[in-house]
Amino acid sequence: MQNAASPAPIESALLQQAAGDAIRHGYFTREGGVSEGLYRGLNVGLGSNDDRDRVNENRRRVAAWFGQPLEKLATVHQIHSPDAVTVDGNYDGDRPQADALVTATPGIVLGVLAADCGPILFADPENKVIGAAHAGWKGALTGVLENTIIAMEKLGARREAIVACLGPSISQASYEVGPEFVERFVTQDAAYAQYFIPSEKPGHSMFDLPGLTVARLTKAGVRAESVGLCTYPDSERFFSYRRTTHNNEPDYGRQISAISIREI
């Protein structure tokens, strides 16, 4: 099962500048995988109906980009929760139900999957603590970002030293929602109205998930940015749940965003 291309992930200028060579990260695209058809490329979604051997080969390629075996790639069974788990050198491949991971162990590759939701990578390069979070609207609203930061602090990170970057995710231009969705947000905080603008469909709005995500990260006291890429229109590089739904396709792949502390 071979493919001539190799994964070529996107990197964050903020993370790269802050972490240097001590921490490696990447927002992987569809490039460099062996899956075919709907899943063409680097589909790492164990929850998809793609051939399991192909998915595992794709995951192996992600780990290899970090110079690690597949067994060192740590992911979770994502459930749109606010929960973060800590991973250490005893990682055994288990995928607990959670939506974020943190570690201070060199060599472990933390990965989160997405197909429109926001993948956020975190690093405290001073204290060598990293994190990865999956934040759709529910995770962002209920605190997965803040809980990732708290979990990193428990490993010795300093909030003021943490940098975070939101990877490719669905943009406001592609995220139409109904009035009940808007009400859910503004009921919690009236200021959240700023993340909605009217859509062409009466009573509906366009939701700025990236804007909310970066704002909450900044409010939590970390330096944050977004790579500014939308998953929905770019079918060559990204999987998209919403695009799949609109095209009446039966399933979709997932891309991965990952980060690791280099081993000395």
Protein backbone atom coordinates (compact mmCIF):
# COMPACT_ATOMS: atom_id res chain seq x y z
CA MET A 1 0.00 0.00 0.00
CA GLN A 2 2.13 2.84 -1.31
CA ASN A 3 1.70 6.42 -2.42
CA ALA A 4 4.49 8.57 -3.87
CA ALA A 5 3.39 11.72 -2.06
CA SER A 6 4.32 12.41 1.55
CA PRO A 7 2.29 14.36 4.10
CA ALA A 8 2.98 18.09 3.88
CA PRO A 9 1.27 19.74 6.84
CA ILE A 10 0.64 23.45 7.29
CA GLU A 11 2.51 25.11 10.14
CA SER A 12 1.64 28.05 12.37
CA ALA A 13 4.03 31.00 12.25
CA LEU A 14 3.23 31.79 15.89
CA LEU A 15 3.92 28.27 17.13
CA GLN A 16 7.03 27.93 15.01
CA GLN A 17 8.47 31.23 16.18
CA ALA A 18 7.74 30.53 19.84
CA ALA A 19 8.75 26.87 19.99
CA GLY A 20 11.65 26.73 17.55
CA ASP A 21 13.13 23.26 17.21
CA ALA A 22 12.00 22.06 20.64
CA ILE A 23 8.42 21.33 19.59
CA ARG A 24 7.19 20.18 16.18
CA HIS A 25 3.63 20.60 14.94
CA GLY A 26 1.57 20.30 11.78
CA TYR A 27 -1.97 20.80 10.48
CA PHE A 28 -2.18 17.91 8.04
CA THR A 29 -4.15 18.12 4.81
CA ARG A 30 -5.38 15.31 2.52
CA GLU A 31 -1.96 15.21 0.88
CA GLY A 32 0.24 12.15 1.29
CA GLY A 33 -2.26 9.40 2.12
CA VAL A 34 -3.37 6.11 0.60
CA SER A 35 -7.15 6.27 0.96
CA GLU A 36 -9.35 6.32 -2.15
CA GLY A 37 -12.75 7.50 -3.32
CA LEU A 38 -14.61 9.70 -0.83
CA TYR A 39 -11.67 9.35 1.53
CA ARG A 40 -8.98 10.14 -1.05
CA GLY A 41 -5.71 11.06 0.59
CA LEU A 42 -4.70 11.17 4.23
CA ASN A 43 -7.91 10.10 5.97
CA VAL A 44 -7.09 9.31 9.60
CA GLY A 45 -10.68 8.85 10.79
CA LEU A 46 -11.13 5.56 12.62
CA GLY A 47 -14.81 6.50 12.83
CA SER A 48 -15.19 6.63 9.06
CA ASN A 49 -16.15 3.65 6.91
CA ASP A 50 -12.84 3.77 5.09
CA ASP A 51 -10.71 0.62 4.87
CA ARG A 52 -9.12 0.23 8.31
CA ASP A 53 -5.74 -0.80 6.92
CA ARG A 54 -5.62 2.37 4.84
CA VAL A 55 -6.59 4.53 7.80
CA ASN A 56 -3.89 2.94 9.93
CA GLU A 57 -1.32 3.46 7.17
CA ASN A 58 -2.30 7.10 7.00
CA ARG A 59 -1.95 7.42 10.75
CA ARG A 60 1.43 5.69 10.57
CA ARG A 61 2.55 8.29 8.03
CA VAL A 62 1.53 11.09 10.36
CA ALA A 63 3.53 9.57 13.23
CA ALA A 64 6.48 9.01 10.90
CA TRP A 65 6.50 12.70 9.95
CA PHE A 66 7.37 13.29 13.60
CA GLY A 67 9.96 10.51 13.52
CA GLN A 68 7.81 8.24 15.68
CA PRO A 69 6.07 4.85 15.28
CA LEU A 70 2.30 4.64 15.05
CA GLU A 71 2.14 3.54 18.70
CA LYS A 72 3.28 7.01 19.76
CA LEU A 73 0.36 8.78 18.04
CA ALA A 74 -2.16 9.57 20.78
CA THR A 75 -5.74 10.49 19.87
CA VAL A 76 -9.09 10.40 21.66
CA HIS A 77 -12.64 9.28 20.85
CA GLN A 78 -14.03 12.77 20.28
CA ILE A 79 -17.52 13.48 21.60
CA HIS A 80 -17.81 17.31 21.45
CA SER A 81 -17.11 17.56 25.17
CA PRO A 82 -15.15 20.06 27.28
CA ASP A 83 -12.91 17.28 28.60
CA ALA A 84 -9.12 17.11 28.40
CA VAL A 85 -6.97 14.09 29.27
CA THR A 86 -3.29 13.84 30.21
CA VAL A 87 -1.01 11.48 28.29
CA ASP A 88 2.38 10.27 29.52
CA GLY A 89 5.03 7.67 28.70
CA ASN A 90 2.64 4.88 29.64
CA TYR A 91 0.36 5.63 26.70
CA ASP A 92 -1.04 2.29 25.46
CA GLY A 93 -3.09 3.33 22.44
CA ASP A 94 -6.33 3.73 24.37
CA ARG A 95 -8.75 6.36 23.02
CA PRO A 96 -10.77 7.70 25.96
CA GLN A 97 -13.86 9.77 25.32
CA ALA A 98 -12.59 13.35 25.43
CA ASP A 99 -11.80 16.24 23.10
CA ALA A 100 -8.35 17.39 24.16
CA LEU A 101 -5.00 15.92 25.19
CA VAL A 102 -1.98 17.36 27.00
CA THR A 103 1.47 16.00 27.75
CA ALA A 104 4.93 16.90 29.02
CA THR A 105 6.44 13.65 27.67
CA PRO A 106 8.83 13.99 24.72
CA GLY A 107 8.12 11.71 21.76
CA ILE A 108 4.37 11.43 22.28
CA VAL A 109 2.45 12.85 19.31
CA LEU A 110 -0.85 14.44 20.33
CA GLY A 111 -3.42 14.48 17.54
CA VAL A 112 -6.97 15.78 17.12
CA LEU A 113 -9.21 15.05 14.14
CA ALA A 114 -11.51 17.47 12.36
CA ALA A 115 -13.66 17.94 9.27
CA ASP A 116 -14.92 21.54 9.84
CA CYS A 117 -14.53 21.75 13.63
CA GLY A 118 -11.56 23.65 14.99
CA PRO A 119 -8.26 21.85 15.69
CA ILE A 120 -6.22 23.89 18.17
CA LEU A 121 -2.58 23.14 19.02
CA PHE A 122 -1.01 24.56 22.19
CA ALA A 123 2.59 24.87 23.35
CA ASP A 124 4.47 26.25 26.32
CA PRO A 125 8.01 26.07 24.92
CA GLU A 126 9.58 27.38 28.14
CA ASN A 127 8.27 24.51 30.27
CA LYS A 128 7.95 21.92 27.47
CA VAL A 129 4.22 21.25 27.81
CA ILE A 130 1.90 20.82 24.81
CA GLY A 131 -1.78 20.30 24.10
CA ALA A 132 -4.22 19.60 21.29
CA ALA A 133 -7.96 20.28 21.33
CA HIS A 134 -10.93 19.58 19.06
CA ALA A 135 -13.44 22.43 19.31
CA GLY A 136 -16.64 22.55 17.34
CA TRP A 137 -19.32 24.98 18.46
CA LYS A 138 -20.24 22.85 21.46
CA GLY A 139 -16.70 22.33 22.70
CA ALA A 140 -15.81 25.98 22.25
CA LEU A 141 -18.97 27.09 24.06
CA THR A 142 -18.64 24.66 26.98
CA GLY A 143 -14.95 25.18 27.75
CA VAL A 144 -12.67 22.66 26.04
CA LEU A 145 -10.15 25.42 25.25
CA GLU A 146 -9.94 26.68 28.80
CA ASN A 147 -9.83 23.13 30.18
CA THR A 148 -6.88 22.30 27.93
CA ILE A 149 -4.98 25.28 29.33
CA ILE A 150 -5.80 24.24 32.91
CA ALA A 151 -4.61 20.68 32.21
CA MET A 152 -1.36 22.06 30.80
CA GLU A 153 -0.86 24.18 33.91
CA LYS A 154 -1.16 21.06 36.05
CA LEU A 155 1.85 19.71 34.15
CA GLY A 156 3.89 22.83 34.88
CA ALA A 157 2.93 25.17 32.06
CA ARG A 158 2.55 28.90 32.66
CA ARG A 159 -0.50 30.44 31.05
CA GLU A 160 1.47 33.54 30.02
CA ALA A 161 3.96 31.33 28.15
CA ILE A 162 1.37 29.31 26.20
CA VAL A 163 0.81 29.96 22.51
CA ALA A 164 -2.12 28.44 20.60
CA CYS A 165 -3.17 28.27 16.99
CA LEU A 166 -6.46 27.32 15.35
CA GLY A 167 -5.96 25.20 12.26
CA PRO A 168 -8.15 24.83 9.15
CA SER A 169 -11.84 24.92 10.10
CA ILE A 170 -15.13 26.10 8.69
CA SER A 171 -15.34 29.87 8.25
CA GLN A 172 -18.25 32.23 8.77
CA ALA A 173 -18.84 32.42 5.01
CA SER A 174 -19.71 28.71 4.96
CA TYR A 175 -21.43 28.18 8.32
CA GLU A 176 -25.15 28.97 8.19
CA VAL A 177 -27.20 28.31 11.33
CA GLY A 178 -30.80 28.67 12.46
CA PRO A 179 -32.32 31.03 15.04
CA GLU A 180 -32.28 28.41 17.82
CA PHE A 181 -28.52 28.10 17.39
CA VAL A 182 -28.02 31.84 17.79
CA GLU A 183 -30.30 31.91 20.83
CA ARG A 184 -28.22 29.22 22.53
CA PHE A 185 -25.17 31.46 22.35
CA VAL A 186 -26.64 34.85 23.20
CA THR A 187 -28.54 33.34 26.12
CA GLN A 188 -25.20 32.37 27.62
CA ASP A 189 -23.54 35.69 26.79
CA ALA A 190 -25.18 38.58 24.93
CA ALA A 191 -21.75 39.62 23.63
CA TYR A 192 -21.70 36.46 21.48
CA ALA A 193 -24.09 38.21 19.09
CA GLN A 194 -20.98 39.70 17.46
CA TYR A 195 -20.15 36.28 15.97
CA PHE A 196 -23.33 36.16 13.87
CA ILE A 197 -24.36 38.07 10.77
CA PRO A 198 -27.61 37.67 8.79
CA SER A 199 -27.58 35.11 5.99
CA GLU A 200 -29.53 35.24 2.75
CA LYS A 201 -32.05 32.81 4.24
CA PRO A 202 -34.67 34.64 6.35
CA GLY A 203 -34.21 34.08 10.07
CA HIS A 204 -30.82 32.40 9.63
CA SER A 205 -27.31 33.61 10.38
CA MET A 206 -23.70 32.97 9.46
CA PHE A 207 -21.61 31.88 12.45
CA ASP A 208 -17.97 32.88 13.01
CA LEU A 209 -16.61 29.83 14.86
CA PRO A 210 -12.95 30.79 14.24
CA GLY A 211 -13.56 34.28 15.62
CA LEU A 212 -15.17 32.89 18.77
CA THR A 213 -12.38 30.34 19.21
CA VAL A 214 -9.51 32.82 18.96
CA ALA A 215 -11.36 35.31 21.19
CA ARG A 216 -11.86 32.73 23.93
CA LEU A 217 -8.22 31.69 23.74
CA THR A 218 -7.12 35.31 24.04
CA LYS A 219 -9.52 35.97 26.92
CA ALA A 220 -8.07 32.91 28.68
CA GLY A 221 -4.69 34.62 28.70
CA VAL A 222 -2.72 32.88 25.95
CA ARG A 223 -1.30 34.24 22.71
CA ALA A 224 -3.44 32.94 19.88
CA GLU A 225 -3.83 33.05 16.11
CA SER A 226 -5.62 31.22 13.30
CA VAL A 227 -4.09 29.89 10.10
CA GLY A 228 -7.12 31.44 8.39
CA LEU A 229 -8.09 28.52 6.16
CA CYS A 230 -11.64 27.28 5.55
CA THR A 231 -12.27 23.55 5.11
CA TYR A 232 -15.61 23.82 3.31
CA PRO A 233 -14.67 25.16 -0.17
CA ASP A 234 -11.27 23.47 -0.48
CA SER A 235 -12.06 19.85 -1.35
CA GLU A 236 -8.55 19.25 -2.69
CA ARG A 237 -6.92 19.84 0.68
CA PHE A 238 -9.58 19.30 3.33
CA PHE A 239 -12.39 16.99 4.35
CA SER A 240 -15.62 18.76 5.35
CA TYR A 241 -18.63 17.29 7.12
CA ARG A 242 -20.89 20.14 5.96
CA ARG A 243 -19.75 19.86 2.35
CA THR A 244 -20.38 16.12 2.45
CA THR A 245 -23.89 16.75 3.84
CA HIS A 246 -24.70 19.32 1.17
CA ASN A 247 -23.45 16.95 -1.56
CA ASN A 248 -25.53 14.06 -0.17
CA GLU A 249 -22.41 11.89 0.15
CA PRO A 250 -22.65 8.86 2.46
CA ASP A 251 -19.52 9.49 4.52
CA TYR A 252 -16.45 11.70 4.89
CA GLY A 253 -12.82 11.55 5.97
CA ARG A 254 -11.05 13.43 8.75
CA GLN A 255 -7.78 15.33 8.74
CA ILE A 256 -5.47 15.47 11.72
CA SER A 257 -3.59 18.23 13.49
CA ALA A 258 -0.73 17.09 15.71
CA ILE A 259 2.07 18.30 17.96
CA SER A 260 5.02 16.68 19.74
CA ILE A 261 7.92 17.60 22.02
CA ARG A 262 11.14 16.54 20.36
CA GLU A 263 13.16 13.86 22.09
CA ILE A 264 16.68 14.94 23.04
